[in-house]
């Protein structure tokens, strides 16, 4: 996605092109095949969902054909992990590759150990203390962790950093409900931990190797497919 003279341009392909992804199911199959994939075009040619989808359907509101809508379906599917994982921007990681990314990005640390060793901020801890085996709306995380006008600053940057370190991911996008239990407004991101979504055993299974080796695996995979 590029901004040209104030207009956002999608770098996709025609719907009838060979290899064009036509559904959220197609996208998940492709992500599982490649291992991990950013949502939008970046400096590595071909390394995005955007470049394998039809430009005409982005932000069309067509749940079957719009890749922006697919991200919600993919997040709630439980098949792959979604969040801001690539240069602080959105993308997907398959279950097979999650342990590799978690080990590399966390440098082998569970969050509590990272905080105790002085590598995590108090703002990050206030957010992570809210998550045990639960899921929370973005606005609830902001409020409960003490961010806001008269509280902590930098909520978006902090929660993005926690996603980049694979401590949090987006579980779903849901409408909030009023006191009567009626849904209202636009769907809001629902956060959880990868451990809650896929199990601690899977996520921490990569801890047995040196984090730098996990990083090398990621780089090697990118080179194999897109280099």
Protein backbone atom coordinates (compact mmCIF):
# COMPACT_ATOMS: atom_id res chain seq x y z
CA UNK A 1 0.00 0.00 0.00
CA UNK A 2 1.44 3.35 -1.06
CA UNK A 3 0.29 6.93 -0.66
CA UNK A 4 0.60 8.81 -3.93
CA UNK A 5 -0.45 12.48 -3.90
CA UNK A 6 -2.76 11.83 -0.97
CA UNK A 7 -4.35 8.73 -2.50
CA UNK A 8 -3.80 5.23 -1.14
CA UNK A 9 -2.80 2.82 -3.90
CA UNK A 10 -3.01 -0.95 -3.43
CA UNK A 11 -0.33 -3.03 -5.13
CA UNK A 12 -2.39 -6.12 -5.80
CA UNK A 13 -3.20 -8.20 -8.88
CA UNK A 14 -6.33 -8.78 -11.01
CA UNK A 15 -8.94 -11.13 -9.56
CA UNK A 16 -8.51 -13.64 -12.39
CA UNK A 17 -4.70 -13.74 -12.13
CA UNK A 18 -3.00 -17.04 -11.44
CA UNK A 19 -2.27 -17.33 -7.74
CA UNK A 20 -4.71 -14.61 -6.68
CA UNK A 21 -6.20 -15.31 -3.25
CA UNK A 22 -10.00 -15.29 -3.43
CA UNK A 23 -11.09 -15.85 0.17
CA UNK A 24 -10.03 -15.80 3.81
CA UNK A 25 -9.63 -19.57 3.53
CA UNK A 26 -7.25 -19.12 0.57
CA UNK A 27 -5.29 -16.56 2.58
CA UNK A 28 -4.96 -18.87 5.57
CA UNK A 29 -3.81 -21.72 3.36
CA UNK A 30 -1.19 -19.42 1.82
CA UNK A 31 -0.01 -18.16 5.22
CA UNK A 32 0.34 -21.71 6.50
CA UNK A 33 2.27 -22.63 3.36
CA UNK A 34 4.67 -19.68 3.59
CA UNK A 35 4.81 -19.61 7.40
CA UNK A 36 4.32 -15.89 8.00
CA UNK A 37 3.25 -12.86 5.98
CA UNK A 38 2.73 -9.12 6.52
CA UNK A 39 -0.67 -7.74 5.54
CA UNK A 40 0.64 -4.84 3.44
CA UNK A 41 3.34 -4.44 0.81
CA UNK A 42 6.80 -3.65 2.15
CA UNK A 43 10.39 -3.45 0.93
CA UNK A 44 10.51 -7.19 0.12
CA UNK A 45 8.72 -7.88 -3.20
CA UNK A 46 5.90 -10.40 -2.89
CA UNK A 47 6.14 -10.60 0.90
CA UNK A 48 2.58 -9.50 1.75
CA UNK A 49 -1.06 -10.48 1.51
CA UNK A 50 -1.67 -7.28 -0.45
CA UNK A 51 0.45 -8.41 -3.40
CA UNK A 52 -1.44 -11.69 -3.73
CA UNK A 53 -4.96 -10.26 -3.66
CA UNK A 54 -7.19 -8.24 -5.99
CA UNK A 55 -6.71 -4.49 -5.51
CA UNK A 56 -10.30 -3.69 -6.50
CA UNK A 57 -11.83 -5.40 -3.48
CA UNK A 58 -9.81 -3.80 -0.67
CA UNK A 59 -12.10 -1.82 1.66
CA UNK A 60 -15.11 -2.75 -0.46
CA UNK A 61 -16.99 -4.10 2.57
CA UNK A 62 -17.55 -7.40 0.76
CA UNK A 63 -16.79 -9.93 3.50
CA UNK A 64 -16.14 -12.68 0.95
CA UNK A 65 -13.69 -10.75 -1.26
CA UNK A 66 -12.25 -7.90 0.81
CA UNK A 67 -8.85 -8.79 2.37
CA UNK A 68 -9.40 -6.07 5.00
CA UNK A 69 -12.48 -8.01 6.11
CA UNK A 70 -10.59 -11.29 5.90
CA UNK A 71 -8.20 -10.21 8.63
CA UNK A 72 -11.11 -10.30 11.09
CA UNK A 73 -12.14 -13.76 9.96
CA UNK A 74 -8.56 -15.00 10.13
CA UNK A 75 -7.99 -13.54 13.61
CA UNK A 76 -11.03 -15.31 15.05
CA UNK A 77 -10.36 -18.58 13.21
CA UNK A 78 -7.65 -19.79 15.59
CA UNK A 79 -5.69 -21.20 12.65
CA UNK A 80 -3.01 -18.51 12.43
CA UNK A 81 -1.92 -15.65 14.67
CA UNK A 82 -2.68 -12.00 13.79
CA UNK A 83 -1.16 -8.81 15.16
CA UNK A 84 1.38 -6.07 14.57
CA UNK A 85 4.32 -8.39 14.08
CA UNK A 86 6.28 -6.87 11.19
CA UNK A 87 8.00 -3.50 11.63
CA UNK A 88 5.12 -2.53 13.96
CA UNK A 89 2.60 -3.26 11.21
CA UNK A 90 -0.05 -5.95 10.84
CA UNK A 91 0.63 -9.47 9.68
CA UNK A 92 0.13 -13.18 10.24
CA UNK A 93 2.18 -16.05 11.65
CA UNK A 94 1.27 -19.73 11.28
CA UNK A 95 1.16 -22.04 14.29
CA UNK A 96 4.21 -23.87 12.95
CA UNK A 97 6.28 -20.68 13.00
CA UNK A 98 4.91 -19.13 16.20
CA UNK A 99 7.42 -20.88 18.51
CA UNK A 100 10.27 -19.66 16.28
CA UNK A 101 9.06 -16.07 16.36
CA UNK A 102 8.24 -16.16 20.07
CA UNK A 103 11.70 -17.44 20.97
CA UNK A 104 13.46 -14.92 18.76
CA UNK A 105 11.36 -11.86 19.61
CA UNK A 106 11.21 -12.61 23.34
CA UNK A 107 14.90 -13.52 23.44
CA UNK A 108 13.88 -16.62 25.40
CA UNK A 109 12.07 -14.64 28.11
CA UNK A 110 8.59 -15.10 29.52
CA UNK A 111 7.22 -11.64 30.27
CA UNK A 112 7.62 -11.75 34.06
CA UNK A 113 11.27 -12.75 33.74
CA UNK A 114 11.82 -9.98 31.19
CA UNK A 115 10.37 -7.42 33.61
CA UNK A 116 12.34 -8.71 36.59
CA UNK A 117 15.56 -8.40 34.59
CA UNK A 118 14.73 -4.81 33.68
CA UNK A 119 14.00 -5.36 29.99
CA UNK A 120 10.30 -4.44 30.11
CA UNK A 121 8.71 -1.16 31.15
CA UNK A 122 6.19 -0.59 33.92
CA UNK A 123 3.66 0.47 31.29
CA UNK A 124 4.08 -2.90 29.57
CA UNK A 125 3.70 -4.71 32.90
CA UNK A 126 0.46 -2.86 33.69
CA UNK A 127 -0.97 -4.21 30.45
CA UNK A 128 0.38 -7.75 30.78
CA UNK A 129 -0.90 -8.03 34.38
CA UNK A 130 -4.41 -7.94 32.90
CA UNK A 131 -3.87 -11.10 30.90
CA UNK A 132 -3.96 -14.53 32.43
CA UNK A 133 -6.23 -16.77 30.41
CA UNK A 134 -8.59 -14.15 29.10
CA UNK A 135 -9.43 -11.83 26.22
CA UNK A 136 -10.00 -8.09 26.51
CA UNK A 137 -11.31 -5.34 24.25
CA UNK A 138 -8.71 -2.72 23.35
CA UNK A 139 -10.62 0.02 25.16
CA UNK A 140 -10.87 -2.15 28.30
CA UNK A 141 -7.10 -2.75 28.27
CA UNK A 142 -6.51 0.99 27.94
CA UNK A 143 -8.80 1.78 30.87
CA UNK A 144 -7.80 -1.04 33.23
CA UNK A 145 -4.07 -0.49 32.68
CA UNK A 146 -4.45 3.18 33.62
CA UNK A 147 -3.88 4.82 30.26
CA UNK A 148 -5.80 7.94 29.37
CA UNK A 149 -6.02 11.69 29.78
CA UNK A 150 -4.84 11.77 33.38
CA UNK A 151 -2.94 8.49 33.40
CA UNK A 152 -0.23 6.69 31.48
CA UNK A 153 0.65 7.88 27.98
CA UNK A 154 1.65 5.98 24.86
CA UNK A 155 -0.92 3.19 24.87
CA UNK A 156 -0.74 2.41 21.15
CA UNK A 157 3.05 2.32 21.14
CA UNK A 158 3.15 0.11 24.23
CA UNK A 159 0.61 -2.44 23.04
CA UNK A 160 2.29 -2.54 19.63
CA UNK A 161 5.63 -3.27 21.29
CA UNK A 162 4.06 -6.17 23.19
CA UNK A 163 2.75 -7.59 19.91
CA UNK A 164 6.15 -7.20 18.27
CA UNK A 165 7.59 -9.25 21.15
CA UNK A 166 4.84 -11.87 20.68
CA UNK A 167 3.43 -11.39 24.18
CA UNK A 168 0.07 -10.25 22.78
CA UNK A 169 -1.93 -10.85 19.62
CA UNK A 170 -5.35 -9.93 18.22
CA UNK A 171 -7.91 -12.64 18.95
CA UNK A 172 -10.89 -11.08 17.21
CA UNK A 173 -12.70 -7.91 16.23
CA UNK A 174 -16.04 -7.49 18.00
CA UNK A 175 -18.64 -4.83 18.58
CA UNK A 176 -18.92 -3.58 22.13
CA UNK A 177 -22.24 -4.04 23.95
CA UNK A 178 -24.29 -1.56 25.98
CA UNK A 179 -25.92 -2.18 29.38
CA UNK A 180 -28.75 -4.02 27.65
CA UNK A 181 -26.30 -6.36 25.97
CA UNK A 182 -26.95 -4.83 22.56
CA UNK A 183 -24.00 -4.46 20.15
CA UNK A 184 -23.03 -1.00 18.92
CA UNK A 185 -20.33 0.82 16.95
CA UNK A 186 -17.50 -0.49 14.80
CA UNK A 187 -15.78 -3.77 15.67
CA UNK A 188 -12.94 -3.26 18.14
CA UNK A 189 -9.75 -5.32 18.47
CA UNK A 190 -9.83 -8.00 21.15
CA UNK A 191 -6.39 -8.85 22.58
CA UNK A 192 -5.11 -12.00 24.19
CA UNK A 193 -1.83 -13.86 24.60
CA UNK A 194 -0.59 -16.41 22.06
CA UNK A 195 -0.43 -18.87 24.97
CA UNK A 196 -4.16 -18.46 25.61
CA UNK A 197 -4.94 -18.90 21.93
CA UNK A 198 -2.62 -21.79 21.05
CA UNK A 199 -1.37 -23.20 24.35
CA UNK A 200 1.77 -22.50 26.37
CA UNK A 201 3.36 -25.79 25.37
CA UNK A 202 3.36 -24.82 21.69
CA UNK A 203 4.43 -21.21 22.15
CA UNK A 204 7.37 -21.98 24.44
CA UNK A 205 8.52 -25.07 22.55
CA UNK A 206 11.05 -22.92 20.70
CA UNK A 207 12.80 -21.89 23.92
CA UNK A 208 15.07 -24.93 23.72
CA UNK A 209 17.27 -23.28 21.07
CA UNK A 210 19.27 -20.07 21.11
CA UNK A 211 17.12 -17.09 20.05
CA UNK A 212 19.68 -16.08 17.44
CA UNK A 213 19.17 -19.45 15.73
CA UNK A 214 15.45 -18.80 15.58
CA UNK A 215 16.17 -15.43 14.02
CA UNK A 216 18.37 -17.11 11.42
CA UNK A 217 15.54 -19.51 10.55
CA UNK A 218 13.19 -16.58 9.90
CA UNK A 219 15.74 -14.81 7.70
CA UNK A 220 16.47 -18.03 5.81
CA UNK A 221 12.76 -18.61 5.15
CA UNK A 222 12.29 -15.09 3.81
CA UNK A 223 15.28 -15.54 1.53
CA UNK A 224 14.02 -18.92 0.30
CA UNK A 225 10.63 -17.55 -0.70
CA UNK A 226 11.16 -13.88 -1.46
CA UNK A 227 14.89 -13.31 -1.72
